[in-house]
Every structure is written in structure tokens, then in C-alpha cells.
Amino acid sequence: MKMESIIAGIDIGGTHITAALVDINRKVILRDSVKRRAVNSKDTAENIINAWSQVIKACYNTYQIQPAKLGMAMPGPFDYKQGIALMKNQDKFDQLFGINVKDRLARLLKINSEDISIANDAACFLQGEIFHGAANDKDRVMGLTLGTGLGAARAFHMTAEDADLWCYPFKDGIAEDYLSSRWFVKRFFEYSGRTLENVKELVQLNDSDGYVQAIFKEFGNNLATFIIPFMAAENRNVLILGGSIANAFDLFIGELQKILTLENIQLQVRRSVLGESAAMMGAASFCMQELRSFQPAYVPNLSHS
């Protein structure tokens, strides 16, 4: 195994960080290197970035090497080229606003800031699926990450980019109001008067009242209504769904497909193949495109990967 093919892929979520070493040549994640940790996104900037650096170091320490090159999947708004956080009033990472995350992280890891590539998390998700997942044979593809927020990406010449659809006007608000976890929590409360924490909890309920089925059917309708104009306008024929809500794919795909059929839309809807690994794979893939060579401090024996 050539060590120049190893890049760390990091997925920054609203509540966690996941990091792993990716072998770009073999298109695999080195299983022993996967590290995940909960992070309080409302904490101070210093504590957040310190927590990230500790996880990244632990990822590299699996193979007794020093941090080298890494790609990060980061939610927006963010100045990805310069590495400056622009998130504000997003209920997460407010304390990072205006801070050059790339420079601060590089100092903690003792690497050059140029060794860090940061890209939009939705684009990284789709890039991962293009690189080695559900979309690796297609270019007319869009991807949606459905979770605490809504991410969207499109591909051109097998390279993904942020589609920035989360704030697009939809019904009585914006798309994210209807296509994220908070919509499910709000809708279930409207049905039952009870409060849930997340979609996973909703799926696990005894649906004796039919609330769960009705809510997921409505979600499928909302998703179809929202996505059809974009898929048609951009001549896209494949839609990849990821994020925590995609784990309940079977509960809303029927209604989504029904609407597509009624509208005579020829669209393949696929669930993510890579799951939580997609963003890490995509971030490493973007890093590979930006950074063509690097030299790790030590070449370990990776025979057990």
C-alpha cells in the first residue's frame, strides 16, 4: 500500500465529528481508523476546534502516523476556499463565525493550512457516492441529505457541487422547514400532542393510531413536490438520498414514487450505499483533487486494514 494514497476524511455534523483514513487508490476506509465523538456545537470556538483536532489525531494514531493531508465535509454557510466559518443564527457553531477554522486546526495538528481541504457537506456526500457508491456510474445526478437540516448537491462531469436548496421558498416557508427532522417532530406533535426527539424515535413507535404512516406519506409527497421542478429543469435522472431520514427510506419511497409516476417523471431514486461514510469518502476525494502529493512522517505496517 502506498502511503501517498492515504487521506483523512472528516465529517462535521451538528452534533458530532466522524473521522477515518481513506485509501484513495483502493477506494476504501481503513476500518480500524474510524473515530466518532459527540461535539457540542454551541460550545466555545476553542473547545469545538480542540475536540475536532483530538478526533483527527486519534484517527491517525491508529496507524502511528502524524496528521498529514485531510479533507473535511463542513455544513454551510462557510467560505470553503479560505476556511472561514460563516454560520450564524443556525442553532449550531455560532461561536465559530468569522474564524479561520483551517488555520486554527492546522496549528493544533502541526500541519500547513494548505494540507486541509474543506468542502460543503452535501457536496461531499454526493461526491462520495460518485467516487464509490450509488452514483458511481452516473453524471446526471442530484443528492439530498435529509437530517437535522437539508443539504443538496448536483454533479457535473462526475464532480459534485453544493446546490444550496435548503433555503428555497417552499409552501409557507423554506424547503428545510418541510424536509428535515424538525418537520417530523412538529408534525407528530400536531397529530398527537406528544413530543419526540428525532425521526428514529418516530420510526420505533407503535403506530396503532396510524400517525407514523400518515406523516411519512405526507413527507414523501412534500419531497416529490419539491424536487420534481429541479430534476426536470436540470435534466437529472438519478436522485441519491442520504442522511438520518434516509434510514426510513421504505416508509416514504412509495408515496414519492407514486407522485413521480403521476407526473410522468422518469427518475431513479436511490438510497445512499455508503451511508455515514459517504461524506468522509467525498471529502477525501475532493482533497485528492486539490492536493496531489504528500509525505507522511512514518510508514507503518497496514497489513491488518
C-alpha atoms as a PDB file:
ATOM      1  CA  MET A   1       0.000   0.000   0.000  1.00  0.00           C
ATOM      2  CA  LYS A   2       1.341   3.428  -0.952  1.00  0.00           C
ATOM      3  CA  MET A   3       1.070   5.902   1.897  1.00  0.00           C
ATOM      4  CA  GLU A   4       0.593   8.812  -0.504  1.00  0.00           C
ATOM      5  CA  SER A   5      -2.822   7.317  -1.233  1.00  0.00           C
ATOM      6  CA  ILE A   6      -3.976   7.747   2.399  1.00  0.00           C
ATOM      7  CA  ILE A   7      -6.058  10.851   3.165  1.00  0.00           C
ATOM      8  CA  ALA A   8      -8.140  11.523   6.266  1.00  0.00           C
ATOM      9  CA  GLY A   9     -11.819  12.108   5.570  1.00  0.00           C
ATOM     10  CA  ILE A  10     -13.708  14.074   8.224  1.00  0.00           C
ATOM     11  CA  ASP A  11     -17.456  14.574   8.519  1.00  0.00           C
ATOM     12  CA  ILE A  12     -18.511  17.533  10.665  1.00  0.00           C
ATOM     13  CA  GLY A  13     -22.104  17.238  11.835  1.00  0.00           C
ATOM     14  CA  GLY A  14     -24.213  19.456  14.051  1.00  0.00           C
ATOM     15  CA  THR A  15     -23.733  17.099  16.994  1.00  0.00           C
ATOM     16  CA  HIS A  16     -20.634  15.055  16.170  1.00  0.00           C
ATOM     17  CA  ILE A  17     -17.424  14.565  14.236  1.00  0.00           C
ATOM     18  CA  THR A  18     -16.503  11.336  12.460  1.00  0.00           C
ATOM     19  CA  ALA A  19     -13.034  10.816  11.004  1.00  0.00           C
ATOM     20  CA  ALA A  20     -11.351   7.968   9.155  1.00  0.00           C
ATOM     21  CA  LEU A  21      -8.351   7.240   6.966  1.00  0.00           C
ATOM     22  CA  VAL A  22      -9.311   6.694   3.332  1.00  0.00           C
ATOM     23  CA  ASP A  23      -7.212   4.739   0.863  1.00  0.00           C
ATOM     24  CA  ILE A  24      -7.922   6.746  -2.271  1.00  0.00           C
ATOM     25  CA  ASN A  25      -6.429   4.166  -4.639  1.00  0.00           C
ATOM     26  CA  ARG A  26      -8.459   1.250  -3.273  1.00  0.00           C
ATOM     27  CA  LYS A  27     -11.496   3.439  -2.523  1.00  0.00           C
ATOM     28  CA  VAL A  28     -11.888   2.017   0.971  1.00  0.00           C
ATOM     29  CA  ILE A  29     -11.945   3.320   4.531  1.00  0.00           C
ATOM     30  CA  LEU A  30      -9.386   1.709   6.829  1.00  0.00           C
ATOM     31  CA  ARG A  31     -11.821   0.219   9.289  1.00  0.00           C
ATOM     32  CA  ASP A  32      -9.681   0.486  12.421  1.00  0.00           C
ATOM     33  CA  SER A  33      -9.177   4.202  11.884  1.00  0.00           C
ATOM     34  CA  VAL A  34     -12.829   5.286  12.203  1.00  0.00           C
ATOM     35  CA  LYS A  35     -13.297   7.625  15.167  1.00  0.00           C
ATOM     36  CA  ARG A  36     -16.525   9.318  16.228  1.00  0.00           C
ATOM     37  CA  ARG A  37     -17.215  11.753  19.041  1.00  0.00           C
ATOM     38  CA  ALA A  38     -20.116  13.890  20.172  1.00  0.00           C
ATOM     39  CA  VAL A  39     -19.380  17.616  19.965  1.00  0.00           C
ATOM     40  CA  ASN A  40     -21.417  20.433  21.484  1.00  0.00           C
ATOM     41  CA  SER A  41     -21.913  22.784  18.548  1.00  0.00           C
ATOM     42  CA  LYS A  42     -22.964  25.567  20.956  1.00  0.00           C
ATOM     43  CA  ASP A  43     -19.655  25.413  22.828  1.00  0.00           C
ATOM     44  CA  THR A  44     -16.831  27.936  22.509  1.00  0.00           C
ATOM     45  CA  ALA A  45     -14.816  28.028  19.297  1.00  0.00           C
ATOM     46  CA  GLU A  46     -11.718  26.878  21.169  1.00  0.00           C
ATOM     47  CA  ASN A  47     -13.457  23.820  22.631  1.00  0.00           C
ATOM     48  CA  ILE A  48     -15.080  22.849  19.325  1.00  0.00           C
ATOM     49  CA  ILE A  49     -11.872  23.033  17.291  1.00  0.00           C
ATOM     50  CA  ASN A  50      -9.882  21.309  20.049  1.00  0.00           C
ATOM     51  CA  ALA A  51     -12.400  18.443  20.052  1.00  0.00           C
ATOM     52  CA  TRP A  52     -12.093  18.113  16.278  1.00  0.00           C
ATOM     53  CA  SER A  53      -8.309  18.049  16.421  1.00  0.00           C
ATOM     54  CA  GLN A  54      -8.318  15.328  19.098  1.00  0.00           C
ATOM     55  CA  VAL A  55     -10.501  13.052  16.986  1.00  0.00           C
ATOM     56  CA  ILE A  56      -8.375  13.621  13.894  1.00  0.00           C
ATOM     57  CA  LYS A  57      -5.202  12.832  15.850  1.00  0.00           C
ATOM     58  CA  ALA A  58      -6.801   9.654  17.219  1.00  0.00           C
ATOM     59  CA  CYS A  59      -7.691   8.643  13.672  1.00  0.00           C
ATOM     60  CA  TYR A  60      -4.059   8.931  12.543  1.00  0.00           C
ATOM     61  CA  ASN A  61      -2.723   7.389  15.743  1.00  0.00           C
ATOM     62  CA  THR A  62      -4.423   4.126  14.804  1.00  0.00           C
ATOM     63  CA  TYR A  63      -1.520   3.583  12.406  1.00  0.00           C
ATOM     64  CA  GLN A  64       1.124   5.502  14.353  1.00  0.00           C
ATOM     65  CA  ILE A  65       1.460   8.322  11.865  1.00  0.00           C
ATOM     66  CA  GLN A  66       1.282  12.078  12.271  1.00  0.00           C
ATOM     67  CA  PRO A  67      -1.599  14.059  10.701  1.00  0.00           C
ATOM     68  CA  ALA A  68      -0.832  14.785   7.062  1.00  0.00           C
ATOM     69  CA  LYS A  69      -3.476  15.634   4.450  1.00  0.00           C
ATOM     70  CA  LEU A  70      -7.162  15.744   5.268  1.00  0.00           C
ATOM     71  CA  GLY A  71     -10.487  16.605   3.678  1.00  0.00           C
ATOM     72  CA  MET A  72     -13.373  17.952   5.727  1.00  0.00           C
ATOM     73  CA  ALA A  73     -17.093  17.876   4.982  1.00  0.00           C
ATOM     74  CA  MET A  74     -18.482  21.019   6.598  1.00  0.00           C
ATOM     75  CA  PRO A  75     -22.008  22.463   6.775  1.00  0.00           C
ATOM     76  CA  GLY A  76     -22.577  25.949   5.443  1.00  0.00           C
ATOM     77  CA  PRO A  77     -22.623  28.807   5.148  1.00  0.00           C
ATOM     78  CA  PHE A  78     -18.839  28.668   5.003  1.00  0.00           C
ATOM     79  CA  ASP A  79     -16.050  30.225   2.967  1.00  0.00           C
ATOM     80  CA  TYR A  80     -14.666  26.870   1.897  1.00  0.00           C
ATOM     81  CA  LYS A  81     -11.700  28.190  -0.054  1.00  0.00           C
ATOM     82  CA  GLN A  82     -10.397  30.422   2.735  1.00  0.00           C
ATOM     83  CA  GLY A  83     -11.566  28.158   5.566  1.00  0.00           C
ATOM     84  CA  ILE A  84     -13.656  30.779   7.379  1.00  0.00           C
ATOM     85  CA  ALA A  85     -16.896  29.868   9.179  1.00  0.00           C
ATOM     86  CA  LEU A  86     -19.907  31.992   8.240  1.00  0.00           C
ATOM     87  CA  MET A  87     -22.597  30.154  10.213  1.00  0.00           C
ATOM     88  CA  LYS A  88     -24.770  32.452  12.303  1.00  0.00           C
ATOM     89  CA  ASN A  89     -28.212  32.028  13.834  1.00  0.00           C
ATOM     90  CA  GLN A  90     -28.191  28.400  12.645  1.00  0.00           C
ATOM     91  CA  ASP A  91     -28.504  26.985  16.184  1.00  0.00           C
ATOM     92  CA  LYS A  92     -25.035  25.496  15.749  1.00  0.00           C
ATOM     93  CA  PHE A  93     -21.428  26.717  15.541  1.00  0.00           C
ATOM     94  CA  ASP A  94     -22.361  30.366  16.142  1.00  0.00           C
ATOM     95  CA  GLN A  95     -19.132  30.833  18.097  1.00  0.00           C
ATOM     96  CA  LEU A  96     -17.104  29.934  15.015  1.00  0.00           C
ATOM     97  CA  PHE A  97     -18.440  32.867  12.990  1.00  0.00           C
ATOM     98  CA  GLY A  98     -15.640  34.770  11.270  1.00  0.00           C
ATOM     99  CA  ILE A  99     -12.938  32.389  12.487  1.00  0.00           C
ATOM    100  CA  ASN A 100     -10.442  30.819  10.095  1.00  0.00           C
ATOM    101  CA  VAL A 101     -11.065  27.208  11.056  1.00  0.00           C
ATOM    102  CA  LYS A 102      -8.471  25.920   8.612  1.00  0.00           C
ATOM    103  CA  ASP A 103      -5.645  27.962  10.178  1.00  0.00           C
ATOM    104  CA  ARG A 104      -6.603  27.128  13.755  1.00  0.00           C
ATOM    105  CA  LEU A 105      -6.938  23.443  13.070  1.00  0.00           C
ATOM    106  CA  ALA A 106      -3.658  23.357  11.159  1.00  0.00           C
ATOM    107  CA  ARG A 107      -1.829  24.849  14.143  1.00  0.00           C
ATOM    108  CA  LEU A 108      -3.263  22.246  16.506  1.00  0.00           C
ATOM    109  CA  LEU A 109      -2.388  19.408  14.126  1.00  0.00           C
ATOM    110  CA  LYS A 110       1.026  20.918  13.327  1.00  0.00           C
ATOM    111  CA  ILE A 111       0.476  20.822   9.590  1.00  0.00           C
ATOM    112  CA  ASN A 112       0.211  23.504   6.905  1.00  0.00           C
ATOM    113  CA  SER A 113      -3.215  25.031   6.331  1.00  0.00           C
ATOM    114  CA  GLU A 114      -2.783  24.114   2.656  1.00  0.00           C
ATOM    115  CA  ASP A 115      -2.893  20.479   3.745  1.00  0.00           C
ATOM    116  CA  ILE A 116      -6.540  20.901   4.745  1.00  0.00           C
ATOM    117  CA  SER A 117      -9.313  20.824   2.160  1.00  0.00           C
ATOM    118  CA  ILE A 118     -12.801  21.895   3.286  1.00  0.00           C
ATOM    119  CA  ALA A 119     -15.920  21.370   1.178  1.00  0.00           C
ATOM    120  CA  ASN A 120     -19.674  21.574   1.582  1.00  0.00           C
ATOM    121  CA  ASP A 121     -21.054  18.546   3.420  1.00  0.00           C
ATOM    122  CA  ALA A 122     -23.841  17.851   0.912  1.00  0.00           C
ATOM    123  CA  ALA A 123     -21.371  18.065  -1.980  1.00  0.00           C
ATOM    124  CA  CYS A 124     -19.047  15.690  -0.094  1.00  0.00           C
ATOM    125  CA  PHE A 125     -21.925  13.250   0.400  1.00  0.00           C
ATOM    126  CA  LEU A 126     -22.704  13.174  -3.314  1.00  0.00           C
ATOM    127  CA  GLN A 127     -19.013  13.114  -4.256  1.00  0.00           C
ATOM    128  CA  GLY A 128     -18.569  10.043  -2.067  1.00  0.00           C
ATOM    129  CA  GLU A 129     -21.452   8.283  -3.796  1.00  0.00           C
ATOM    130  CA  ILE A 130     -19.980   9.234  -7.185  1.00  0.00           C
ATOM    131  CA  PHE A 131     -16.497   8.155  -6.116  1.00  0.00           C
ATOM    132  CA  HIS A 132     -17.562   4.738  -4.886  1.00  0.00           C
ATOM    133  CA  GLY A 133     -21.262   4.428  -4.161  1.00  0.00           C
ATOM    134  CA  ALA A 134     -24.789   4.635  -5.528  1.00  0.00           C
ATOM    135  CA  ALA A 135     -23.920   7.147  -8.277  1.00  0.00           C
ATOM    136  CA  ASN A 136     -20.557   5.886  -9.475  1.00  0.00           C
ATOM    137  CA  ASP A 137     -21.901   5.199 -12.965  1.00  0.00           C
ATOM    138  CA  LYS A 138     -23.966   8.344 -13.437  1.00  0.00           C
ATOM    139  CA  ASP A 139     -23.377  12.039 -14.032  1.00  0.00           C
ATOM    140  CA  ARG A 140     -26.938  13.356 -14.343  1.00  0.00           C
ATOM    141  CA  VAL A 141     -27.400  13.032 -10.617  1.00  0.00           C
ATOM    142  CA  MET A 142     -28.514  15.074  -7.639  1.00  0.00           C
ATOM    143  CA  GLY A 143     -28.115  14.223  -3.978  1.00  0.00           C
ATOM    144  CA  LEU A 144     -30.096  15.232  -0.897  1.00  0.00           C
ATOM    145  CA  THR A 145     -29.040  14.794   2.708  1.00  0.00           C
ATOM    146  CA  LEU A 146     -32.105  14.647   4.911  1.00  0.00           C
ATOM    147  CA  GLY A 147     -31.437  15.109   8.617  1.00  0.00           C
ATOM    148  CA  THR A 148     -31.260  17.949  11.122  1.00  0.00           C
ATOM    149  CA  GLY A 149     -31.020  20.168   8.069  1.00  0.00           C
ATOM    150  CA  LEU A 150     -31.450  19.810   4.311  1.00  0.00           C
ATOM    151  CA  GLY A 151     -28.410  19.505   2.083  1.00  0.00           C
ATOM    152  CA  ALA A 152     -28.482  19.379  -1.703  1.00  0.00           C
ATOM    153  CA  ALA A 153     -25.819  18.815  -4.347  1.00  0.00           C
ATOM    154  CA  ARG A 154     -25.567  18.317  -8.093  1.00  0.00           C
ATOM    155  CA  ALA A 155     -22.889  16.680 -10.228  1.00  0.00           C
ATOM    156  CA  PHE A 156     -21.105  17.964 -13.310  1.00  0.00           C
ATOM    157  CA  HIS A 157     -18.571  15.756 -15.085  1.00  0.00           C
ATOM    158  CA  MET A 158     -18.538  13.383 -12.102  1.00  0.00           C
ATOM    159  CA  THR A 159     -17.752  16.176  -9.627  1.00  0.00           C
ATOM    160  CA  ALA A 160     -20.306  17.336  -7.070  1.00  0.00           C
ATOM    161  CA  GLU A 161     -21.093  20.890  -6.020  1.00  0.00           C
ATOM    162  CA  ASP A 162     -23.438  22.452  -3.491  1.00  0.00           C
ATOM    163  CA  ALA A 163     -26.907  23.120  -4.925  1.00  0.00           C
ATOM    164  CA  ASP A 164     -27.863  25.327  -1.932  1.00  0.00           C
ATOM    165  CA  LEU A 165     -31.566  24.453  -1.952  1.00  0.00           C
ATOM    166  CA  TRP A 166     -32.174  24.398   1.805  1.00  0.00           C
ATOM    167  CA  CYS A 167     -33.492  27.973   1.849  1.00  0.00           C
ATOM    168  CA  TYR A 168     -35.513  27.746  -1.366  1.00  0.00           C
ATOM    169  CA  PRO A 169     -39.094  29.033  -0.878  1.00  0.00           C
ATOM    170  CA  PHE A 170     -41.489  26.144  -0.350  1.00  0.00           C
ATOM    171  CA  LYS A 171     -45.119  26.165   0.796  1.00  0.00           C
ATOM    172  CA  ASP A 172     -45.381  28.508   3.812  1.00  0.00           C
ATOM    173  CA  GLY A 173     -41.660  28.708   4.442  1.00  0.00           C
ATOM    174  CA  ILE A 174     -38.468  27.258   3.024  1.00  0.00           C
ATOM    175  CA  ALA A 175     -37.546  23.747   1.919  1.00  0.00           C
ATOM    176  CA  GLU A 176     -35.706  22.901   5.141  1.00  0.00           C
ATOM    177  CA  ASP A 177     -38.878  23.599   7.139  1.00  0.00           C
ATOM    178  CA  TYR A 178     -40.555  20.614   5.458  1.00  0.00           C
ATOM    179  CA  LEU A 179     -37.647  18.295   4.621  1.00  0.00           C
ATOM    180  CA  SER A 180     -35.739  17.967   7.893  1.00  0.00           C
ATOM    181  CA  SER A 181     -36.065  16.267  11.258  1.00  0.00           C
ATOM    182  CA  ARG A 182     -37.775  19.221  12.874  1.00  0.00           C
ATOM    183  CA  TRP A 183     -40.705  18.900  10.480  1.00  0.00           C
ATOM    184  CA  PHE A 184     -41.309  15.322  11.665  1.00  0.00           C
ATOM    185  CA  VAL A 185     -41.139  16.387  15.326  1.00  0.00           C
ATOM    186  CA  LYS A 186     -43.522  19.301  14.695  1.00  0.00           C
ATOM    187  CA  ARG A 187     -45.946  17.230  12.625  1.00  0.00           C
ATOM    188  CA  PHE A 188     -46.123  14.405  15.166  1.00  0.00           C
ATOM    189  CA  PHE A 189     -46.874  16.907  17.918  1.00  0.00           C
ATOM    190  CA  GLU A 190     -49.677  18.362  15.781  1.00  0.00           C
ATOM    191  CA  TYR A 191     -51.138  14.874  15.348  1.00  0.00           C
ATOM    192  CA  SER A 192     -50.710  13.537  18.857  1.00  0.00           C
ATOM    193  CA  GLY A 193     -49.817  16.327  21.272  1.00  0.00           C
ATOM    194  CA  ARG A 194     -46.684  14.366  22.181  1.00  0.00           C
ATOM    195  CA  THR A 195     -43.059  15.388  21.758  1.00  0.00           C
ATOM    196  CA  LEU A 196     -40.364  13.321  20.070  1.00  0.00           C
ATOM    197  CA  GLU A 197     -36.617  13.870  19.899  1.00  0.00           C
ATOM    198  CA  ASN A 198     -35.952  12.681  16.356  1.00  0.00           C
ATOM    199  CA  VAL A 199     -37.103  10.623  13.383  1.00  0.00           C
ATOM    200  CA  LYS A 200     -35.537   7.432  14.716  1.00  0.00           C
ATOM    201  CA  GLU A 201     -37.810   7.639  17.747  1.00  0.00           C
ATOM    202  CA  LEU A 202     -40.801   8.163  15.453  1.00  0.00           C
ATOM    203  CA  VAL A 203     -39.971   5.049  13.418  1.00  0.00           C
ATOM    204  CA  GLN A 204     -39.780   2.937  16.564  1.00  0.00           C
ATOM    205  CA  LEU A 205     -43.263   3.894  17.770  1.00  0.00           C
ATOM    206  CA  ASN A 206     -46.210   1.539  17.839  1.00  0.00           C
ATOM    207  CA  ASP A 207     -48.308   3.037  15.030  1.00  0.00           C
ATOM    208  CA  SER A 208     -51.699   1.921  16.334  1.00  0.00           C
ATOM    209  CA  ASP A 209     -53.162   5.357  15.561  1.00  0.00           C
ATOM    210  CA  GLY A 210     -51.692   5.479  12.058  1.00  0.00           C
ATOM    211  CA  TYR A 211     -49.793   8.682  12.798  1.00  0.00           C
ATOM    212  CA  VAL A 212     -46.418   7.412  11.641  1.00  0.00           C
ATOM    213  CA  GLN A 213     -47.738   6.113   8.331  1.00  0.00           C
ATOM    214  CA  ALA A 214     -49.626   9.356   7.651  1.00  0.00           C
ATOM    215  CA  ILE A 215     -46.619  11.532   8.483  1.00  0.00           C
ATOM    216  CA  PHE A 216     -44.215   9.612   6.270  1.00  0.00           C
ATOM    217  CA  LYS A 217     -46.742   9.606   3.427  1.00  0.00           C
ATOM    218  CA  GLU A 218     -47.000  13.390   3.702  1.00  0.00           C
ATOM    219  CA  PHE A 219     -43.221  13.667   3.782  1.00  0.00           C
ATOM    220  CA  GLY A 220     -42.950  11.608   0.592  1.00  0.00           C
ATOM    221  CA  ASN A 221     -45.443  13.955  -1.044  1.00  0.00           C
ATOM    222  CA  ASN A 222     -43.519  17.017   0.134  1.00  0.00           C
ATOM    223  CA  LEU A 223     -40.235  15.597  -1.137  1.00  0.00           C
ATOM    224  CA  ALA A 224     -41.657  14.782  -4.558  1.00  0.00           C
ATOM    225  CA  THR A 225     -43.360  18.165  -4.895  1.00  0.00           C
ATOM    226  CA  PHE A 226     -40.155  19.965  -4.015  1.00  0.00           C
ATOM    227  CA  ILE A 227     -37.656  18.008  -6.072  1.00  0.00           C
ATOM    228  CA  ILE A 228     -39.555  17.489  -9.356  1.00  0.00           C
ATOM    229  CA  PRO A 229     -39.004  21.037 -10.738  1.00  0.00           C
ATOM    230  CA  PHE A 230     -35.253  20.908 -10.062  1.00  0.00           C
ATOM    231  CA  MET A 231     -34.757  17.457 -11.523  1.00  0.00           C
ATOM    232  CA  ALA A 232     -36.660  18.455 -14.659  1.00  0.00           C
ATOM    233  CA  ALA A 233     -35.010  21.877 -15.067  1.00  0.00           C
ATOM    234  CA  GLU A 234     -31.505  20.420 -14.761  1.00  0.00           C
ATOM    235  CA  ASN A 235     -32.247  17.265 -16.751  1.00  0.00           C
ATOM    236  CA  ARG A 236     -31.300  14.994 -13.831  1.00  0.00           C
ATOM    237  CA  ASN A 237     -32.366  11.361 -13.874  1.00  0.00           C
ATOM    238  CA  VAL A 238     -30.888   9.991 -10.627  1.00  0.00           C
ATOM    239  CA  LEU A 239     -31.592  11.158  -7.082  1.00  0.00           C
ATOM    240  CA  ILE A 240     -29.486   9.832  -4.194  1.00  0.00           C
ATOM    241  CA  LEU A 241     -30.902  10.209  -0.681  1.00  0.00           C
ATOM    242  CA  GLY A 242     -28.741  10.219   2.423  1.00  0.00           C
ATOM    243  CA  GLY A 243     -28.846  11.498   5.992  1.00  0.00           C
ATOM    244  CA  SER A 244     -30.617  10.082   9.033  1.00  0.00           C
ATOM    245  CA  ILE A 245     -34.100  10.354   7.493  1.00  0.00           C
ATOM    246  CA  ALA A 246     -32.980   8.173   4.571  1.00  0.00           C
ATOM    247  CA  ASN A 247     -32.762   5.328   7.103  1.00  0.00           C
ATOM    248  CA  ALA A 248     -36.572   5.348   6.935  1.00  0.00           C
ATOM    249  CA  PHE A 249     -36.463   5.175   3.119  1.00  0.00           C
ATOM    250  CA  ASP A 250     -39.009   2.345   2.905  1.00  0.00           C
ATOM    251  CA  LEU A 251     -41.630   4.400   4.784  1.00  0.00           C
ATOM    252  CA  PHE A 252     -41.806   7.264   2.274  1.00  0.00           C
ATOM    253  CA  ILE A 253     -40.475   5.915  -1.039  1.00  0.00           C
ATOM    254  CA  GLY A 254     -43.876   4.509  -2.029  1.00  0.00           C
ATOM    255  CA  GLU A 255     -45.577   7.900  -1.924  1.00  0.00           C
ATOM    256  CA  LEU A 256     -42.601   9.574  -3.596  1.00  0.00           C
ATOM    257  CA  GLN A 257     -42.664   7.077  -6.477  1.00  0.00           C
ATOM    258  CA  LYS A 258     -46.425   7.426  -6.766  1.00  0.00           C
ATOM    259  CA  ILE A 259     -46.171  11.188  -7.324  1.00  0.00           C
ATOM    260  CA  LEU A 260     -43.329  10.745  -9.812  1.00  0.00           C
ATOM    261  CA  THR A 261     -45.433   8.264 -11.795  1.00  0.00           C
ATOM    262  CA  LEU A 262     -48.486  10.544 -11.795  1.00  0.00           C
ATOM    263  CA  GLU A 263     -46.320  13.410 -13.087  1.00  0.00           C
ATOM    264  CA  ASN A 264     -44.679  11.121 -15.685  1.00  0.00           C
ATOM    265  CA  ILE A 265     -41.219  11.851 -14.258  1.00  0.00           C
ATOM    266  CA  GLN A 266     -38.556   9.301 -15.196  1.00  0.00           C
ATOM    267  CA  LEU A 267     -36.333   9.407 -12.129  1.00  0.00           C
ATOM    268  CA  GLN A 268     -34.310   6.744 -10.351  1.00  0.00           C
ATOM    269  CA  VAL A 269     -34.443   7.307  -6.590  1.00  0.00           C
ATOM    270  CA  ARG A 270     -31.679   5.512  -4.723  1.00  0.00           C
ATOM    271  CA  ARG A 271     -30.743   5.266  -1.094  1.00  0.00           C
ATOM    272  CA  SER A 272     -27.128   6.010  -0.232  1.00  0.00           C
ATOM    273  CA  VAL A 273     -24.835   2.985  -0.484  1.00  0.00           C
ATOM    274  CA  LEU A 274     -22.099   4.415   1.720  1.00  0.00           C
ATOM    275  CA  GLY A 275     -24.328   5.840   4.447  1.00  0.00           C
ATOM    276  CA  GLU A 276     -22.355   7.812   7.018  1.00  0.00           C
ATOM    277  CA  SER A 277     -19.135   7.008   5.154  1.00  0.00           C
ATOM    278  CA  ALA A 278     -20.197   8.952   2.047  1.00  0.00           C
ATOM    279  CA  ALA A 279     -19.202  12.403   3.317  1.00  0.00           C
ATOM    280  CA  MET A 280     -15.808  11.135   4.519  1.00  0.00           C
ATOM    281  CA  MET A 281     -15.125   9.425   1.196  1.00  0.00           C
ATOM    282  CA  GLY A 282     -16.212  12.522  -0.700  1.00  0.00           C
ATOM    283  CA  ALA A 283     -14.136  14.869   1.438  1.00  0.00           C
ATOM    284  CA  ALA A 284     -11.059  12.704   0.844  1.00  0.00           C
ATOM    285  CA  SER A 285     -11.843  12.617  -2.877  1.00  0.00           C
ATOM    286  CA  PHE A 286     -12.006  16.426  -3.021  1.00  0.00           C
ATOM    287  CA  CYS A 287      -8.756  16.609  -1.071  1.00  0.00           C
ATOM    288  CA  MET A 288      -7.139  14.292  -3.606  1.00  0.00           C
ATOM    289  CA  GLN A 289      -8.188  16.658  -6.390  1.00  0.00           C
ATOM    290  CA  GLU A 290      -6.719  19.683  -4.606  1.00  0.00           C
ATOM    291  CA  LEU A 291      -3.611  18.125  -3.139  1.00  0.00           C
ATOM    292  CA  ARG A 292      -1.701  15.776  -5.385  1.00  0.00           C
ATOM    293  CA  SER A 293       1.122  14.575  -3.153  1.00  0.00           C
ATOM    294  CA  PHE A 294       2.201  14.418   0.472  1.00  0.00           C
ATOM    295  CA  GLN A 295       4.779  12.654   2.633  1.00  0.00           C
ATOM    296  CA  PRO A 296       3.661  11.174   5.983  1.00  0.00           C
ATOM    297  CA  ALA A 297       6.135  11.202   8.828  1.00  0.00           C
ATOM    298  CA  TYR A 298       6.228   7.418   9.180  1.00  0.00           C
ATOM    299  CA  VAL A 299       5.266   4.472   7.010  1.00  0.00           C
ATOM    300  CA  PRO A 300       3.512   1.875   9.201  1.00  0.00           C
ATOM    301  CA  ASN A 301       2.551  -1.720   8.605  1.00  0.00           C
ATOM    302  CA  LEU A 302      -1.073  -1.563   7.409  1.00  0.00           C
ATOM    303  CA  SER A 303      -1.459  -5.283   6.773  1.00  0.00           C
ATOM    304  CA  HIS A 304      -4.396  -5.566   9.187  1.00  0.00           C
ATOM    305  CA  SER A 305      -6.543  -2.969   7.378  1.00  0.00           C
END
